[in-house]
């Protein structure tokens, strides 16, 4: 069973899922930005996948559009109001 089909992920799986380091995941947990659970009597930490997805923020569409349009040799942006 792969990480994408599980509801609970380990720190390592969560880090791989979001392409982050394990220390970043642990830091989010310590800061209270990511809800995680410890298995009673064990050191293993489990993170609900839906909690992990709450860390994601939508990228601003206008920034993505500008990045696509303004490559090397491209015309100036149509949104330019400086004249």
Foldseek 3Di string as FASTA:
>chain_A
DALVPDQKDWLVSLCVVVVHDSVVSVVCVVVVQFDWDDDPPDPTIIGGVVSSCVVDDDDDPVVVVCVVQDDPPHDDDPPDPPD
